N, C-alpha and C. Protein backbone atom coordinates (compact mmCIF):
# COMPACT_ATOMS: atom_id res chain seq x y z
N MET A 1 0.45 -13.69 9.35
CA MET A 1 1.73 -13.85 8.63
C MET A 1 2.80 -15.14 9.02
N LYS A 2 2.68 -16.04 8.44
CA LYS A 2 4.20 -17.15 8.76
C LYS A 2 5.14 -16.50 9.27
N LYS A 3 5.77 -15.72 8.53
CA LYS A 3 7.33 -15.47 8.30
C LYS A 3 7.49 -14.44 9.05
N ASP A 4 6.54 -13.83 9.87
CA ASP A 4 6.32 -12.49 10.83
C ASP A 4 7.02 -13.30 12.01
N LYS A 5 7.92 -14.27 12.18
CA LYS A 5 8.17 -15.00 13.35
C LYS A 5 7.94 -13.83 14.76
N LEU A 6 8.49 -12.85 15.04
CA LEU A 6 8.30 -11.76 15.18
C LEU A 6 7.88 -10.98 16.27
N LYS A 7 6.07 -10.76 15.09
CA LYS A 7 5.17 -10.41 15.42
C LYS A 7 5.95 -8.87 15.33
N ARG A 8 5.85 -8.27 14.68
CA ARG A 8 6.85 -7.10 13.86
C ARG A 8 5.32 -6.20 13.37
N ILE A 9 4.25 -7.20 12.80
CA ILE A 9 3.83 -6.64 11.37
C ILE A 9 2.33 -7.10 12.00
N ARG A 10 1.06 -5.89 11.62
CA ARG A 10 0.05 -6.06 12.05
C ARG A 10 -0.83 -5.41 11.11
N PHE A 11 -2.45 -5.79 10.68
CA PHE A 11 -3.00 -5.52 9.94
C PHE A 11 -4.27 -4.83 10.30
N THR A 12 -4.77 -3.89 9.38
CA THR A 12 -5.43 -3.08 10.20
C THR A 12 -6.62 -3.77 8.60
N ASP A 13 -8.15 -3.70 9.26
CA ASP A 13 -9.19 -4.09 8.34
C ASP A 13 -9.86 -2.68 8.57
N MET A 14 -9.81 -2.36 7.31
CA MET A 14 -10.35 -0.70 6.85
C MET A 14 -11.89 -1.73 6.76
N THR A 15 -12.59 -2.46 6.66
CA THR A 15 -13.58 -2.69 6.60
C THR A 15 -14.78 -2.79 7.90
N ALA A 16 -13.57 -2.86 8.90
CA ALA A 16 -14.46 -2.87 10.23
C ALA A 16 -14.93 -1.82 11.04
N ALA A 17 -16.33 -2.35 11.49
CA ALA A 17 -16.96 -1.20 12.12
C ALA A 17 -16.39 0.21 12.85
N ASP A 18 -15.21 -0.60 13.37
CA ASP A 18 -14.77 0.35 14.91
C ASP A 18 -13.07 1.32 13.82
N PHE A 19 -12.60 1.08 12.60
CA PHE A 19 -12.32 1.52 11.55
C PHE A 19 -12.52 3.05 11.50
N HIS A 20 -11.48 4.13 11.47
CA HIS A 20 -12.13 5.51 10.99
C HIS A 20 -10.64 5.74 10.57
N ALA A 21 -10.38 6.47 9.50
CA ALA A 21 -9.72 6.72 8.52
C ALA A 21 -9.16 7.99 9.00
N GLU A 22 -9.86 8.99 8.72
CA GLU A 22 -9.76 10.45 9.50
C GLU A 22 -9.41 10.20 11.30
N ALA A 23 -9.19 8.98 11.93
CA ALA A 23 -8.57 9.17 12.75
C ALA A 23 -6.76 8.67 12.32
N ILE A 24 -6.74 8.51 11.36
CA ILE A 24 -5.13 8.60 11.05
C ILE A 24 -4.55 9.63 10.34
N GLY A 25 -5.85 10.55 10.22
CA GLY A 25 -5.14 11.65 9.17
C GLY A 25 -5.41 11.62 7.42
N LEU A 26 -6.36 10.70 7.34
CA LEU A 26 -6.53 9.94 5.95
C LEU A 26 -7.94 9.82 5.53
N THR A 27 -7.86 10.02 4.35
CA THR A 27 -9.55 9.57 4.12
C THR A 27 -9.77 7.95 3.39
N ASN A 28 -11.23 7.84 3.27
CA ASN A 28 -10.87 6.05 2.80
C ASN A 28 -10.41 6.10 1.92
N GLU A 29 -10.92 7.14 0.78
CA GLU A 29 -10.38 6.78 -0.78
C GLU A 29 -8.98 7.20 -0.44
N GLU A 30 -7.96 7.77 -0.07
CA GLU A 30 -6.60 8.08 0.08
C GLU A 30 -6.38 6.68 0.38
N LEU A 31 -6.33 5.78 1.45
CA LEU A 31 -6.60 4.38 1.38
C LEU A 31 -7.00 3.37 0.49
N MET A 32 -7.90 3.57 -0.03
CA MET A 32 -8.33 2.72 -1.15
C MET A 32 -7.04 2.83 -2.58
N ALA A 33 -7.17 3.65 -2.58
CA ALA A 33 -6.14 4.27 -3.81
C ALA A 33 -4.84 3.42 -3.62
N GLU A 34 -4.09 3.36 -2.93
CA GLU A 34 -3.31 2.83 -2.64
C GLU A 34 -2.91 2.11 -1.40
N ILE A 35 -1.50 0.73 -1.18
CA ILE A 35 -1.38 0.65 0.19
C ILE A 35 -0.58 1.63 1.12
N HIS A 36 -1.29 1.81 2.48
CA HIS A 36 -0.37 2.45 2.97
C HIS A 36 0.18 1.63 4.87
N GLY A 37 0.84 1.98 5.26
CA GLY A 37 1.83 1.85 6.29
C GLY A 37 2.10 2.60 7.10
N ARG A 38 2.03 1.94 8.68
CA ARG A 38 2.77 2.86 8.85
C ARG A 38 3.68 2.34 10.44
N LEU A 39 4.73 3.50 10.63
CA LEU A 39 6.00 2.17 11.56
C LEU A 39 5.78 3.12 12.56
N PRO A 40 6.37 2.18 13.51
CA PRO A 40 6.75 2.03 14.68
C PRO A 40 6.36 3.99 15.37
N ASP A 41 6.85 4.96 14.76
CA ASP A 41 6.77 6.30 14.80
C ASP A 41 5.57 6.71 14.33
N GLY A 42 4.84 6.13 14.02
CA GLY A 42 3.56 6.73 13.77
C GLY A 42 4.16 6.73 12.34
N THR A 43 4.98 7.43 11.77
CA THR A 43 4.93 7.69 9.77
C THR A 43 4.09 6.98 9.41
N ILE A 44 3.53 7.74 8.54
CA ILE A 44 2.32 6.80 7.28
C ILE A 44 3.53 7.04 5.54
N ILE A 45 3.61 5.56 5.93
CA ILE A 45 4.11 5.06 4.31
C ILE A 45 3.58 4.59 3.07
N ARG A 46 3.69 4.72 2.14
CA ARG A 46 2.58 3.79 1.26
C ARG A 46 3.26 3.19 -0.17
N GLY A 47 2.75 2.81 -0.86
CA GLY A 47 3.16 2.20 -2.11
C GLY A 47 4.17 1.21 -1.90
N VAL A 48 5.23 1.00 -2.77
CA VAL A 48 6.39 0.09 -2.53
C VAL A 48 6.64 0.57 -1.40
N GLU A 49 7.43 0.89 -0.83
CA GLU A 49 7.72 1.52 1.10
C GLU A 49 7.66 0.44 1.49
N VAL A 50 6.14 1.00 1.61
CA VAL A 50 4.96 -0.26 2.29
C VAL A 50 5.51 -2.11 1.85
N PHE A 51 5.92 -2.58 0.89
CA PHE A 51 6.35 -3.81 0.86
C PHE A 51 8.23 -3.65 1.19
N ARG A 52 8.37 -3.37 0.99
CA ARG A 52 10.34 -2.34 1.35
C ARG A 52 10.34 -3.12 3.12
N GLN A 53 9.50 -2.37 3.47
CA GLN A 53 9.35 -2.78 4.91
C GLN A 53 9.05 -3.45 5.58
N LEU A 54 7.69 -4.41 5.51
CA LEU A 54 7.34 -5.87 5.31
C LEU A 54 8.21 -6.62 5.10
N TYR A 55 9.27 -6.61 4.17
CA TYR A 55 10.18 -7.67 3.96
C TYR A 55 11.30 -7.59 4.72
N SER A 56 11.48 -6.51 5.19
CA SER A 56 12.65 -5.92 5.68
C SER A 56 12.50 -6.72 7.52
N ALA A 57 11.22 -6.46 7.73
CA ALA A 57 10.45 -6.92 9.29
C ALA A 57 10.69 -8.11 9.11
N ILE A 58 10.64 -9.18 7.71
CA ILE A 58 10.67 -10.28 8.25
C ILE A 58 11.48 -11.29 8.04
N GLY A 59 12.68 -10.25 7.55
CA GLY A 59 14.26 -10.73 7.86
C GLY A 59 15.01 -10.56 6.35
N PHE A 60 14.08 -9.89 5.13
CA PHE A 60 14.36 -10.49 3.45
C PHE A 60 15.13 -8.73 3.14
N ARG A 61 16.00 -8.37 4.14
CA ARG A 61 16.58 -7.12 3.73
C ARG A 61 16.90 -6.99 2.65
N TRP A 62 17.70 -8.01 2.09
CA TRP A 62 18.25 -7.87 0.68
C TRP A 62 17.59 -7.38 -0.45
N ALA A 63 16.32 -8.04 -0.37
CA ALA A 63 15.56 -7.74 -1.15
C ALA A 63 14.51 -5.96 -1.26
N MET A 64 14.30 -5.82 -0.18
CA MET A 64 14.72 -4.28 -0.01
C MET A 64 15.73 -3.60 -0.67
N THR A 65 16.78 -4.04 -0.11
CA THR A 65 17.93 -3.10 -0.53
C THR A 65 18.62 -2.97 -2.15
N ILE A 66 17.57 -4.83 -3.02
CA ILE A 66 17.64 -5.18 -4.26
C ILE A 66 16.59 -3.77 -4.76
N SER A 67 15.14 -3.62 -4.66
CA SER A 67 14.38 -2.81 -4.59
C SER A 67 14.97 -1.40 -4.49
N ARG A 68 15.44 -0.82 -4.11
CA ARG A 68 15.91 0.75 -4.42
C ARG A 68 16.78 1.02 -5.04
N LEU A 69 17.40 -0.01 -5.95
CA LEU A 69 18.40 0.37 -6.64
C LEU A 69 18.10 1.04 -7.99
N PRO A 70 18.50 2.26 -8.37
CA PRO A 70 17.95 3.29 -9.51
C PRO A 70 16.76 2.59 -10.73
N ILE A 71 17.16 1.53 -10.66
CA ILE A 71 16.06 1.95 -12.24
C ILE A 71 14.96 0.46 -11.88
N ILE A 72 15.78 -0.93 -10.99
CA ILE A 72 14.64 -1.28 -10.05
C ILE A 72 13.55 -0.65 -9.36
N ARG A 73 14.27 0.52 -8.81
CA ARG A 73 13.28 0.95 -8.50
C ARG A 73 11.98 2.03 -9.14
N GLN A 74 12.17 2.35 -9.95
CA GLN A 74 11.66 3.05 -10.65
C GLN A 74 10.24 1.47 -11.39
N MET A 75 11.10 1.17 -11.89
CA MET A 75 10.09 -0.30 -12.48
C MET A 75 8.98 -0.83 -11.41
N MET A 76 9.79 -0.68 -10.28
CA MET A 76 8.75 -0.88 -9.20
C MET A 76 7.53 -0.37 -9.07
N ASN A 77 8.03 1.21 -9.03
CA ASN A 77 7.19 2.13 -8.67
C ASN A 77 5.80 2.42 -9.75
N ALA A 78 6.80 2.36 -11.09
CA ALA A 78 5.42 2.28 -11.94
C ALA A 78 4.40 1.10 -11.74
N GLY A 79 5.04 0.04 -12.12
CA GLY A 79 4.47 -1.22 -11.45
C GLY A 79 3.22 -1.56 -10.56
N TYR A 80 4.24 -0.46 -9.70
CA TYR A 80 2.84 -0.78 -8.61
C TYR A 80 1.56 0.41 -8.67
N ILE A 81 2.03 1.17 -8.98
CA ILE A 81 0.84 2.36 -9.41
C ILE A 81 -0.39 1.75 -10.64
N LEU A 82 0.42 0.73 -11.31
CA LEU A 82 -1.06 0.49 -12.44
C LEU A 82 -1.15 -0.64 -11.70
N PHE A 83 -1.02 -1.56 -11.49
CA PHE A 83 -1.28 -2.46 -10.11
C PHE A 83 -2.43 -2.05 -9.30
N ALA A 84 -2.10 -0.69 -8.61
CA ALA A 84 -2.98 -0.20 -7.27
C ALA A 84 -4.59 0.35 -8.20
N ARG A 85 -4.01 0.64 -9.29
CA ARG A 85 -5.29 1.36 -9.96
C ARG A 85 -5.97 0.35 -10.29
N ASN A 86 -5.60 -1.12 -10.43
CA ASN A 86 -6.49 -2.15 -11.27
C ASN A 86 -6.66 -3.17 -9.94
N ARG A 87 -6.23 -3.16 -9.13
CA ARG A 87 -5.99 -4.05 -8.37
C ARG A 87 -7.75 -5.12 -8.11
N LEU A 88 -8.22 -4.15 -7.84
CA LEU A 88 -9.80 -5.11 -7.61
C LEU A 88 -10.40 -5.97 -8.92
N ARG A 89 -10.40 -5.26 -10.03
CA ARG A 89 -10.39 -5.64 -11.14
C ARG A 89 -9.37 -7.24 -11.52
N LEU A 90 -8.05 -6.89 -11.29
CA LEU A 90 -7.18 -7.73 -11.09
C LEU A 90 -7.63 -8.87 -10.06
N THR A 91 -8.36 -8.90 -9.36
CA THR A 91 -7.86 -9.69 -8.61
C THR A 91 -9.67 -10.62 -8.02
N GLY A 92 -10.08 -9.92 -9.20
CA GLY A 92 -11.55 -10.27 -8.90
C GLY A 92 -12.76 -9.85 -7.87
N ARG A 93 -12.31 -8.65 -6.66
CA ARG A 93 -13.11 -7.75 -6.14
C ARG A 93 -13.78 -6.90 -6.92
N CYS A 94 -14.20 -6.97 -8.27
CA CYS A 94 -14.78 -5.02 -8.50
C CYS A 94 -16.47 -5.20 -8.31
N ASN A 95 -16.64 -4.60 -8.32
CA ASN A 95 -18.35 -4.20 -8.32
C ASN A 95 -18.88 -2.88 -8.62
N ALA A 96 -19.83 -2.32 -8.96
CA ALA A 96 -20.48 -1.18 -9.59
C ALA A 96 -19.66 0.15 -8.56
N GLN A 97 -19.70 -0.26 -7.57
CA GLN A 97 -19.25 0.52 -6.38
C GLN A 97 -17.74 0.51 -6.20
N THR A 98 -16.73 -0.17 -6.38
CA THR A 98 -14.88 -0.70 -6.03
C THR A 98 -14.77 -0.01 -7.23
N CYS A 99 -15.41 -0.51 -8.55
CA CYS A 99 -14.40 0.05 -9.52
C CYS A 99 -15.14 1.67 -9.91
N ALA A 100 -16.10 1.79 -9.83
CA ALA A 100 -16.42 2.87 -10.49
C ALA A 100 -15.23 4.08 -10.47
N ILE A 101 -15.34 4.82 -11.94
CA ILE A 101 -14.04 5.52 -12.50
C ILE A 101 -13.69 6.65 -11.44
N HIS A 102 -12.97 6.80 -10.55
CA HIS A 102 -12.28 7.83 -9.47
C HIS A 102 -10.85 8.33 -10.24
N HIS A 103 -11.18 9.88 -10.13
CA HIS A 103 -9.40 10.64 -10.34
C HIS A 103 -8.85 10.94 -9.15
N HIS A 104 -7.70 10.41 -9.06
CA HIS A 104 -6.88 10.97 -7.97
C HIS A 104 -6.33 11.72 -8.16
N PRO A 105 -6.30 13.24 -7.38
CA PRO A 105 -6.14 14.21 -7.32
C PRO A 105 -4.33 14.13 -8.19
N ARG A 106 -3.05 13.13 -7.76
CA ARG A 106 -2.07 13.21 -8.32
C ARG A 106 -2.13 12.80 -9.65
N ASP A 107 -3.36 12.53 -10.07
CA ASP A 107 -3.16 11.88 -11.75
C ASP A 107 -3.83 13.67 -12.47
N SER A 108 -3.86 14.96 -12.06
CA SER A 108 -4.51 15.51 -12.47
C SER A 108 -3.16 16.54 -13.55
N VAL A 109 -3.73 16.79 -14.57
CA VAL A 109 -2.30 17.46 -15.37
C VAL A 109 -2.18 18.82 -15.20
N SER A 110 -1.76 19.78 -15.04
CA SER A 110 -1.43 21.44 -14.68
C SER A 110 -1.47 21.47 -15.65
């Protein structure tokens, strides 16, 4: 990432042969459901918070601050959920295996 001049961001390829989701306490399904990040202290974050932390790391703290304003936060969270559920279709990476209908446990109605 060009903007990461201080080399604070590292990306992990989940498709690499040596990657094992269980090593970080998650399943492949959980990781595929939405973006995840790991902070330097090991804390796992997910969803829009990952983008907030990425922007902050490259010096765009103002973007993180704006994204935490109440109405903007709600809109971004809702927008990201819609995007995450449809990202493979939207980015042209859909196939029979990746776009099969899966129900996330958080989508269940009690």
